[in-house]
């Protein structure tokens, strides 16, 4: 005989887990999108309304995001989006350069024909976005292209380490608004990475990605003081 109480309990547990995942993934994606200024205070009341979850669920998601470094929590100051010192930012971007270059090299060895075609389409979309001056579409394409390379590497350990980096938050904080977007030479750098992958040249893919990520890093304002926290 099926125990209805056990079924109800199991269903409730799954539902709670789903709500927690939605809160965690939703806020994490929002933070990584760069739409929230560094140092912005996050209140549980606002977040529970935004993600339609209970305060306890949101609190659990915030604890995890704090542990992972996406937000900071201080006594009497609450939870805020992370703000990075120039030294912290430089360390994160250096790690990104190393990891993403290695992923590009693996993608040159392991990418499937279908994955290469996906990259080709994304690169074509980026070129079209640049030609019509659509910065948002170009940025979306840029993120997709890098994600496709990571997946095409078929290297779980490298990919997991890469995913822990908080470089999108660093890029958001230290972006140079006076620099043209997309940055001059950006599309050509993506093309060079793609060519190395298509021709199955891991060394060239590593070098092309390292040059690309390094150029993006040098375009940031890491020699300047970080933006002041939003109060």
C-alpha atoms as a PDB file:
ATOM      1  CA  UNK A   1       0.000   0.000   0.000  1.00  0.00           C
ATOM      2  CA  UNK A   2       1.340   3.434  -0.975  1.00  0.00           C
ATOM      3  CA  UNK A   3       1.887   5.789   1.939  1.00  0.00           C
ATOM      4  CA  UNK A   4       0.218   9.062   0.900  1.00  0.00           C
ATOM      5  CA  UNK A   5       1.969  10.974   3.690  1.00  0.00           C
ATOM      6  CA  UNK A   6       5.366   9.874   2.340  1.00  0.00           C
ATOM      7  CA  UNK A   7       4.393  10.954  -1.163  1.00  0.00           C
ATOM      8  CA  UNK A   8       3.237  14.340   0.079  1.00  0.00           C
ATOM      9  CA  UNK A   9       6.448  14.795   2.056  1.00  0.00           C
ATOM     10  CA  UNK A  10       8.574  13.850  -0.945  1.00  0.00           C
ATOM     11  CA  UNK A  11       6.626  16.199  -3.219  1.00  0.00           C
ATOM     12  CA  UNK A  12       7.030  19.016  -0.714  1.00  0.00           C
ATOM     13  CA  UNK A  13      10.783  18.404  -0.505  1.00  0.00           C
ATOM     14  CA  UNK A  14      11.140  18.457  -4.292  1.00  0.00           C
ATOM     15  CA  UNK A  15       9.083  21.647  -4.545  1.00  0.00           C
ATOM     16  CA  UNK A  16      11.218  23.341  -1.895  1.00  0.00           C
ATOM     17  CA  UNK A  17      14.364  22.244  -3.728  1.00  0.00           C
ATOM     18  CA  UNK A  18      13.013  23.645  -6.977  1.00  0.00           C
ATOM     19  CA  UNK A  19      12.191  27.005  -5.384  1.00  0.00           C
ATOM     20  CA  UNK A  20      15.660  27.153  -3.843  1.00  0.00           C
ATOM     21  CA  UNK A  21      17.297  26.350  -7.187  1.00  0.00           C
ATOM     22  CA  UNK A  22      15.216  28.993  -8.926  1.00  0.00           C
ATOM     23  CA  UNK A  23      16.212  31.610  -6.349  1.00  0.00           C
ATOM     24  CA  UNK A  24      19.883  30.665  -6.418  1.00  0.00           C
ATOM     25  CA  UNK A  25      20.214  30.352 -10.201  1.00  0.00           C
ATOM     26  CA  UNK A  26      18.050  33.420 -10.830  1.00  0.00           C
ATOM     27  CA  UNK A  27      20.050  35.718  -8.570  1.00  0.00           C
ATOM     28  CA  UNK A  28      23.363  34.255  -9.728  1.00  0.00           C
ATOM     29  CA  UNK A  29      22.423  34.924 -13.369  1.00  0.00           C
ATOM     30  CA  UNK A  30      21.325  38.441 -12.471  1.00  0.00           C
ATOM     31  CA  UNK A  31      24.658  39.126 -10.767  1.00  0.00           C
ATOM     32  CA  UNK A  32      26.657  37.698 -13.663  1.00  0.00           C
ATOM     33  CA  UNK A  33      24.692  39.780 -16.163  1.00  0.00           C
ATOM     34  CA  UNK A  34      26.327  42.878 -14.699  1.00  0.00           C
ATOM     35  CA  UNK A  35      23.021  44.702 -14.377  1.00  0.00           C
ATOM     36  CA  UNK A  36      23.586  45.435 -10.680  1.00  0.00           C
ATOM     37  CA  UNK A  37      26.255  47.958  -9.681  1.00  0.00           C
ATOM     38  CA  UNK A  38      29.146  46.774  -7.444  1.00  0.00           C
ATOM     39  CA  UNK A  39      28.455  47.452  -3.772  1.00  0.00           C
ATOM     40  CA  UNK A  40      24.678  47.509  -4.188  1.00  0.00           C
ATOM     41  CA  UNK A  41      22.791  46.439  -1.046  1.00  0.00           C
ATOM     42  CA  UNK A  42      20.471  43.474  -1.583  1.00  0.00           C
ATOM     43  CA  UNK A  43      17.475  43.168   0.715  1.00  0.00           C
ATOM     44  CA  UNK A  44      15.688  39.906   1.405  1.00  0.00           C
ATOM     45  CA  UNK A  45      12.308  41.608   1.065  1.00  0.00           C
ATOM     46  CA  UNK A  46      13.041  42.828  -2.464  1.00  0.00           C
ATOM     47  CA  UNK A  47      14.576  39.537  -3.544  1.00  0.00           C
ATOM     48  CA  UNK A  48      11.731  37.399  -2.199  1.00  0.00           C
ATOM     49  CA  UNK A  49       9.270  39.480  -4.215  1.00  0.00           C
ATOM     50  CA  UNK A  50      11.461  39.339  -7.305  1.00  0.00           C
ATOM     51  CA  UNK A  51      11.847  35.539  -7.259  1.00  0.00           C
ATOM     52  CA  UNK A  52       8.538  34.724  -5.540  1.00  0.00           C
ATOM     53  CA  UNK A  53      10.076  32.606  -2.771  1.00  0.00           C
ATOM     54  CA  UNK A  54      10.005  32.647   1.010  1.00  0.00           C
ATOM     55  CA  UNK A  55      12.531  34.598   3.059  1.00  0.00           C
ATOM     56  CA  UNK A  56      14.071  31.396   4.397  1.00  0.00           C
ATOM     57  CA  UNK A  57      14.573  30.092   0.856  1.00  0.00           C
ATOM     58  CA  UNK A  58      16.109  33.375  -0.276  1.00  0.00           C
ATOM     59  CA  UNK A  59      18.307  33.461   2.825  1.00  0.00           C
ATOM     60  CA  UNK A  60      19.660  29.995   2.001  1.00  0.00           C
ATOM     61  CA  UNK A  61      20.436  31.079  -1.568  1.00  0.00           C
ATOM     62  CA  UNK A  62      22.234  34.187  -0.282  1.00  0.00           C
ATOM     63  CA  UNK A  63      24.325  32.105   2.114  1.00  0.00           C
ATOM     64  CA  UNK A  64      25.500  29.939  -0.780  1.00  0.00           C
ATOM     65  CA  UNK A  65      26.199  32.956  -3.012  1.00  0.00           C
ATOM     66  CA  UNK A  66      28.184  34.526  -0.183  1.00  0.00           C
ATOM     67  CA  UNK A  67      30.253  31.362   0.236  1.00  0.00           C
ATOM     68  CA  UNK A  68      30.925  31.312  -3.509  1.00  0.00           C
ATOM     69  CA  UNK A  69      31.996  34.963  -3.537  1.00  0.00           C
ATOM     70  CA  UNK A  70      29.198  36.493  -5.613  1.00  0.00           C
ATOM     71  CA  UNK A  71      28.044  38.719  -2.755  1.00  0.00           C
ATOM     72  CA  UNK A  72      29.516  39.872   0.550  1.00  0.00           C
ATOM     73  CA  UNK A  73      27.820  39.876   3.934  1.00  0.00           C
ATOM     74  CA  UNK A  74      28.828  42.139   6.812  1.00  0.00           C
ATOM     75  CA  UNK A  75      27.340  42.720  10.245  1.00  0.00           C
ATOM     76  CA  UNK A  76      25.100  45.823  10.259  1.00  0.00           C
ATOM     77  CA  UNK A  77      25.693  46.312   6.514  1.00  0.00           C
ATOM     78  CA  UNK A  78      23.703  43.406   5.133  1.00  0.00           C
ATOM     79  CA  UNK A  79      24.370  41.649   1.848  1.00  0.00           C
ATOM     80  CA  UNK A  80      25.943  43.550  -1.022  1.00  0.00           C
ATOM     81  CA  UNK A  81      27.151  42.752  -4.495  1.00  0.00           C
ATOM     82  CA  UNK A  82      30.880  42.126  -4.564  1.00  0.00           C
ATOM     83  CA  UNK A  83      33.392  44.893  -5.088  1.00  0.00           C
ATOM     84  CA  UNK A  84      36.951  43.857  -6.012  1.00  0.00           C
ATOM     85  CA  UNK A  85      40.249  45.583  -5.309  1.00  0.00           C
ATOM     86  CA  UNK A  86      42.500  46.068  -8.365  1.00  0.00           C
ATOM     87  CA  UNK A  87      44.754  43.305  -7.025  1.00  0.00           C
ATOM     88  CA  UNK A  88      41.858  40.846  -6.650  1.00  0.00           C
ATOM     89  CA  UNK A  89      40.596  41.754 -10.094  1.00  0.00           C
ATOM     90  CA  UNK A  90      44.015  41.223 -11.679  1.00  0.00           C
ATOM     91  CA  UNK A  91      44.324  37.783 -10.043  1.00  0.00           C
ATOM     92  CA  UNK A  92      40.899  36.689 -11.295  1.00  0.00           C
ATOM     93  CA  UNK A  93      41.571  37.872 -14.836  1.00  0.00           C
ATOM     94  CA  UNK A  94      44.973  36.200 -14.883  1.00  0.00           C
ATOM     95  CA  UNK A  95      43.312  32.927 -13.859  1.00  0.00           C
ATOM     96  CA  UNK A  96      40.712  33.397 -16.577  1.00  0.00           C
ATOM     97  CA  UNK A  97      43.443  33.915 -19.168  1.00  0.00           C
ATOM     98  CA  UNK A  98      45.126  30.655 -18.173  1.00  0.00           C
ATOM     99  CA  UNK A  99      41.970  28.531 -17.923  1.00  0.00           C
ATOM    100  CA  UNK A 100      40.199  29.791 -21.010  1.00  0.00           C
ATOM    101  CA  UNK A 101      43.330  29.445 -23.126  1.00  0.00           C
ATOM    102  CA  UNK A 102      43.606  25.816 -22.027  1.00  0.00           C
ATOM    103  CA  UNK A 103      39.932  25.243 -22.876  1.00  0.00           C
ATOM    104  CA  UNK A 104      40.446  26.703 -26.353  1.00  0.00           C
ATOM    105  CA  UNK A 105      43.351  24.332 -26.912  1.00  0.00           C
ATOM    106  CA  UNK A 106      41.217  21.362 -25.912  1.00  0.00           C
ATOM    107  CA  UNK A 107      38.368  22.570 -28.120  1.00  0.00           C
ATOM    108  CA  UNK A 108      40.758  22.530 -31.087  1.00  0.00           C
ATOM    109  CA  UNK A 109      41.415  18.867 -30.339  1.00  0.00           C
ATOM    110  CA  UNK A 110      37.944  17.708 -29.346  1.00  0.00           C
ATOM    111  CA  UNK A 111      35.198  19.901 -30.833  1.00  0.00           C
ATOM    112  CA  UNK A 112      32.631  17.987 -32.869  1.00  0.00           C
ATOM    113  CA  UNK A 113      31.550  19.069 -36.337  1.00  0.00           C
ATOM    114  CA  UNK A 114      28.210  20.182 -34.897  1.00  0.00           C
ATOM    115  CA  UNK A 115      29.898  22.263 -32.192  1.00  0.00           C
ATOM    116  CA  UNK A 116      32.113  23.930 -34.784  1.00  0.00           C
ATOM    117  CA  UNK A 117      29.055  24.817 -36.859  1.00  0.00           C
ATOM    118  CA  UNK A 118      27.397  26.320 -33.766  1.00  0.00           C
ATOM    119  CA  UNK A 119      30.478  28.503 -33.244  1.00  0.00           C
ATOM    120  CA  UNK A 120      30.440  29.499 -36.901  1.00  0.00           C
ATOM    121  CA  UNK A 121      26.802  30.616 -36.659  1.00  0.00           C
ATOM    122  CA  UNK A 122      27.456  32.544 -33.460  1.00  0.00           C
ATOM    123  CA  UNK A 123      30.438  34.291 -35.000  1.00  0.00           C
ATOM    124  CA  UNK A 124      28.340  35.218 -38.032  1.00  0.00           C
ATOM    125  CA  UNK A 125      25.652  36.639 -35.742  1.00  0.00           C
ATOM    126  CA  UNK A 126      28.306  38.689 -33.940  1.00  0.00           C
ATOM    127  CA  UNK A 127      29.584  40.107 -37.218  1.00  0.00           C
ATOM    128  CA  UNK A 128      26.057  41.094 -38.223  1.00  0.00           C
ATOM    129  CA  UNK A 129      25.415  42.671 -34.810  1.00  0.00           C
ATOM    130  CA  UNK A 130      28.581  44.719 -35.098  1.00  0.00           C
ATOM    131  CA  UNK A 131      27.707  45.897 -38.603  1.00  0.00           C
ATOM    132  CA  UNK A 132      24.323  47.220 -37.466  1.00  0.00           C
ATOM    133  CA  UNK A 133      25.695  48.667 -34.223  1.00  0.00           C
ATOM    134  CA  UNK A 134      23.723  46.364 -31.923  1.00  0.00           C
ATOM    135  CA  UNK A 135      25.948  46.230 -28.829  1.00  0.00           C
ATOM    136  CA  UNK A 136      23.581  44.079 -26.768  1.00  0.00           C
ATOM    137  CA  UNK A 137      23.336  41.426 -29.487  1.00  0.00           C
ATOM    138  CA  UNK A 138      27.107  41.459 -29.908  1.00  0.00           C
ATOM    139  CA  UNK A 139      27.591  40.961 -26.160  1.00  0.00           C
ATOM    140  CA  UNK A 140      25.143  38.049 -26.132  1.00  0.00           C
ATOM    141  CA  UNK A 141      26.973  36.483 -29.052  1.00  0.00           C
ATOM    142  CA  UNK A 142      30.298  37.008 -27.329  1.00  0.00           C
ATOM    143  CA  UNK A 143      29.098  35.198 -24.212  1.00  0.00           C
ATOM    144  CA  UNK A 144      27.667  32.357 -26.319  1.00  0.00           C
ATOM    145  CA  UNK A 145      30.901  31.960 -28.296  1.00  0.00           C
ATOM    146  CA  UNK A 146      33.004  31.602 -25.166  1.00  0.00           C
ATOM    147  CA  UNK A 147      30.471  29.216 -23.646  1.00  0.00           C
ATOM    148  CA  UNK A 148      30.510  27.092 -26.805  1.00  0.00           C
ATOM    149  CA  UNK A 149      34.295  26.840 -26.665  1.00  0.00           C
ATOM    150  CA  UNK A 150      34.149  25.750 -23.042  1.00  0.00           C
ATOM    151  CA  UNK A 151      31.643  23.001 -23.851  1.00  0.00           C
ATOM    152  CA  UNK A 152      33.527  21.928 -26.992  1.00  0.00           C
ATOM    153  CA  UNK A 153      36.663  21.347 -24.900  1.00  0.00           C
ATOM    154  CA  UNK A 154      34.977  18.356 -23.240  1.00  0.00           C
ATOM    155  CA  UNK A 155      37.219  18.881 -20.204  1.00  0.00           C
ATOM    156  CA  UNK A 156      35.061  18.821 -17.091  1.00  0.00           C
ATOM    157  CA  UNK A 157      37.741  19.732 -14.563  1.00  0.00           C
ATOM    158  CA  UNK A 158      38.922  22.801 -16.468  1.00  0.00           C
ATOM    159  CA  UNK A 159      35.339  23.857 -17.139  1.00  0.00           C
ATOM    160  CA  UNK A 160      34.395  23.542 -13.478  1.00  0.00           C
ATOM    161  CA  UNK A 161      37.362  25.688 -12.410  1.00  0.00           C
ATOM    162  CA  UNK A 162      36.517  28.255 -15.096  1.00  0.00           C
ATOM    163  CA  UNK A 163      32.905  28.459 -13.913  1.00  0.00           C
ATOM    164  CA  UNK A 164      33.990  29.422 -10.402  1.00  0.00           C
ATOM    165  CA  UNK A 165      35.743  32.569 -11.629  1.00  0.00           C
ATOM    166  CA  UNK A 166      33.930  35.839 -10.995  1.00  0.00           C
ATOM    167  CA  UNK A 167      35.398  37.634 -13.981  1.00  0.00           C
ATOM    168  CA  UNK A 168      32.020  38.914 -15.303  1.00  0.00           C
ATOM    169  CA  UNK A 169      31.665  40.874 -12.047  1.00  0.00           C
ATOM    170  CA  UNK A 170      35.217  42.193 -12.403  1.00  0.00           C
ATOM    171  CA  UNK A 171      34.576  43.205 -16.019  1.00  0.00           C
ATOM    172  CA  UNK A 172      31.412  44.997 -14.918  1.00  0.00           C
ATOM    173  CA  UNK A 173      33.167  46.914 -12.155  1.00  0.00           C
ATOM    174  CA  UNK A 174      36.247  47.967 -14.084  1.00  0.00           C
ATOM    175  CA  UNK A 175      34.828  48.458 -17.545  1.00  0.00           C
ATOM    176  CA  UNK A 176      36.077  51.537 -19.358  1.00  0.00           C
ATOM    177  CA  UNK A 177      32.992  53.353 -20.651  1.00  0.00           C
ATOM    178  CA  UNK A 178      35.146  55.591 -22.836  1.00  0.00           C
ATOM    179  CA  UNK A 179      36.282  52.596 -24.905  1.00  0.00           C
ATOM    180  CA  UNK A 180      34.254  51.704 -27.985  1.00  0.00           C
ATOM    181  CA  UNK A 181      32.124  48.569 -27.701  1.00  0.00           C
ATOM    182  CA  UNK A 182      32.722  46.117 -29.180  1.00  0.00           C
ATOM    183  CA  UNK A 183      36.390  46.858 -28.648  1.00  0.00           C
ATOM    184  CA  UNK A 184      38.402  47.476 -31.810  1.00  0.00           C
ATOM    185  CA  UNK A 185      39.876  44.187 -32.965  1.00  0.00           C
ATOM    186  CA  UNK A 186      37.505  42.057 -30.908  1.00  0.00           C
ATOM    187  CA  UNK A 187      35.762  40.331 -33.805  1.00  0.00           C
ATOM    188  CA  UNK A 188      39.081  39.637 -35.517  1.00  0.00           C
ATOM    189  CA  UNK A 189      40.370  38.036 -32.314  1.00  0.00           C
ATOM    190  CA  UNK A 190      37.306  35.776 -32.188  1.00  0.00           C
ATOM    191  CA  UNK A 191      37.869  34.837 -35.822  1.00  0.00           C
ATOM    192  CA  UNK A 192      41.469  33.883 -35.068  1.00  0.00           C
ATOM    193  CA  UNK A 193      40.348  31.632 -32.213  1.00  0.00           C
ATOM    194  CA  UNK A 194      37.743  30.001 -34.431  1.00  0.00           C
ATOM    195  CA  UNK A 195      40.215  29.446 -37.278  1.00  0.00           C
ATOM    196  CA  UNK A 196      42.610  27.699 -34.898  1.00  0.00           C
ATOM    197  CA  UNK A 197      39.819  25.422 -33.679  1.00  0.00           C
ATOM    198  CA  UNK A 198      38.602  24.633 -37.210  1.00  0.00           C
ATOM    199  CA  UNK A 199      42.132  23.761 -38.357  1.00  0.00           C
ATOM    200  CA  UNK A 200      42.675  21.594 -35.254  1.00  0.00           C
ATOM    201  CA  UNK A 201      45.663  23.615 -34.093  1.00  0.00           C
ATOM    202  CA  UNK A 202      45.701  23.560 -30.267  1.00  0.00           C
ATOM    203  CA  UNK A 203      48.818  25.715 -29.906  1.00  0.00           C
ATOM    204  CA  UNK A 204      47.356  28.413 -32.132  1.00  0.00           C
ATOM    205  CA  UNK A 205      44.030  28.250 -30.265  1.00  0.00           C
ATOM    206  CA  UNK A 206      45.794  28.696 -26.913  1.00  0.00           C
ATOM    207  CA  UNK A 207      47.784  31.657 -28.239  1.00  0.00           C
ATOM    208  CA  UNK A 208      44.774  33.284 -29.916  1.00  0.00           C
ATOM    209  CA  UNK A 209      42.616  32.988 -26.795  1.00  0.00           C
ATOM    210  CA  UNK A 210      45.389  34.261 -24.548  1.00  0.00           C
ATOM    211  CA  UNK A 211      45.836  37.286 -26.799  1.00  0.00           C
ATOM    212  CA  UNK A 212      42.075  37.926 -26.879  1.00  0.00           C
ATOM    213  CA  UNK A 213      41.516  37.667 -23.136  1.00  0.00           C
ATOM    214  CA  UNK A 214      44.676  39.652 -22.444  1.00  0.00           C
ATOM    215  CA  UNK A 215      43.511  42.433 -24.759  1.00  0.00           C
ATOM    216  CA  UNK A 216      40.153  42.576 -22.980  1.00  0.00           C
ATOM    217  CA  UNK A 217      41.949  42.748 -19.629  1.00  0.00           C
ATOM    218  CA  UNK A 218      44.202  45.583 -20.772  1.00  0.00           C
ATOM    219  CA  UNK A 219      41.151  47.568 -21.872  1.00  0.00           C
ATOM    220  CA  UNK A 220      39.887  47.669 -18.284  1.00  0.00           C
ATOM    221  CA  UNK A 221      40.638  50.338 -15.691  1.00  0.00           C
ATOM    222  CA  UNK A 222      42.624  48.142 -13.327  1.00  0.00           C
ATOM    223  CA  UNK A 223      45.103  50.907 -12.647  1.00  0.00           C
ATOM    224  CA  UNK A 224      42.325  53.088 -11.290  1.00  0.00           C
ATOM    225  CA  UNK A 225      40.451  52.968  -7.998  1.00  0.00           C
ATOM    226  CA  UNK A 226      37.328  50.786  -8.104  1.00  0.00           C
ATOM    227  CA  UNK A 227      33.942  52.386  -8.394  1.00  0.00           C
ATOM    228  CA  UNK A 228      32.606  53.577  -5.018  1.00  0.00           C
ATOM    229  CA  UNK A 229      29.937  51.364  -3.419  1.00  0.00           C
ATOM    230  CA  UNK A 230      26.320  52.298  -4.062  1.00  0.00           C
ATOM    231  CA  UNK A 231      24.597  53.349  -0.828  1.00  0.00           C
END
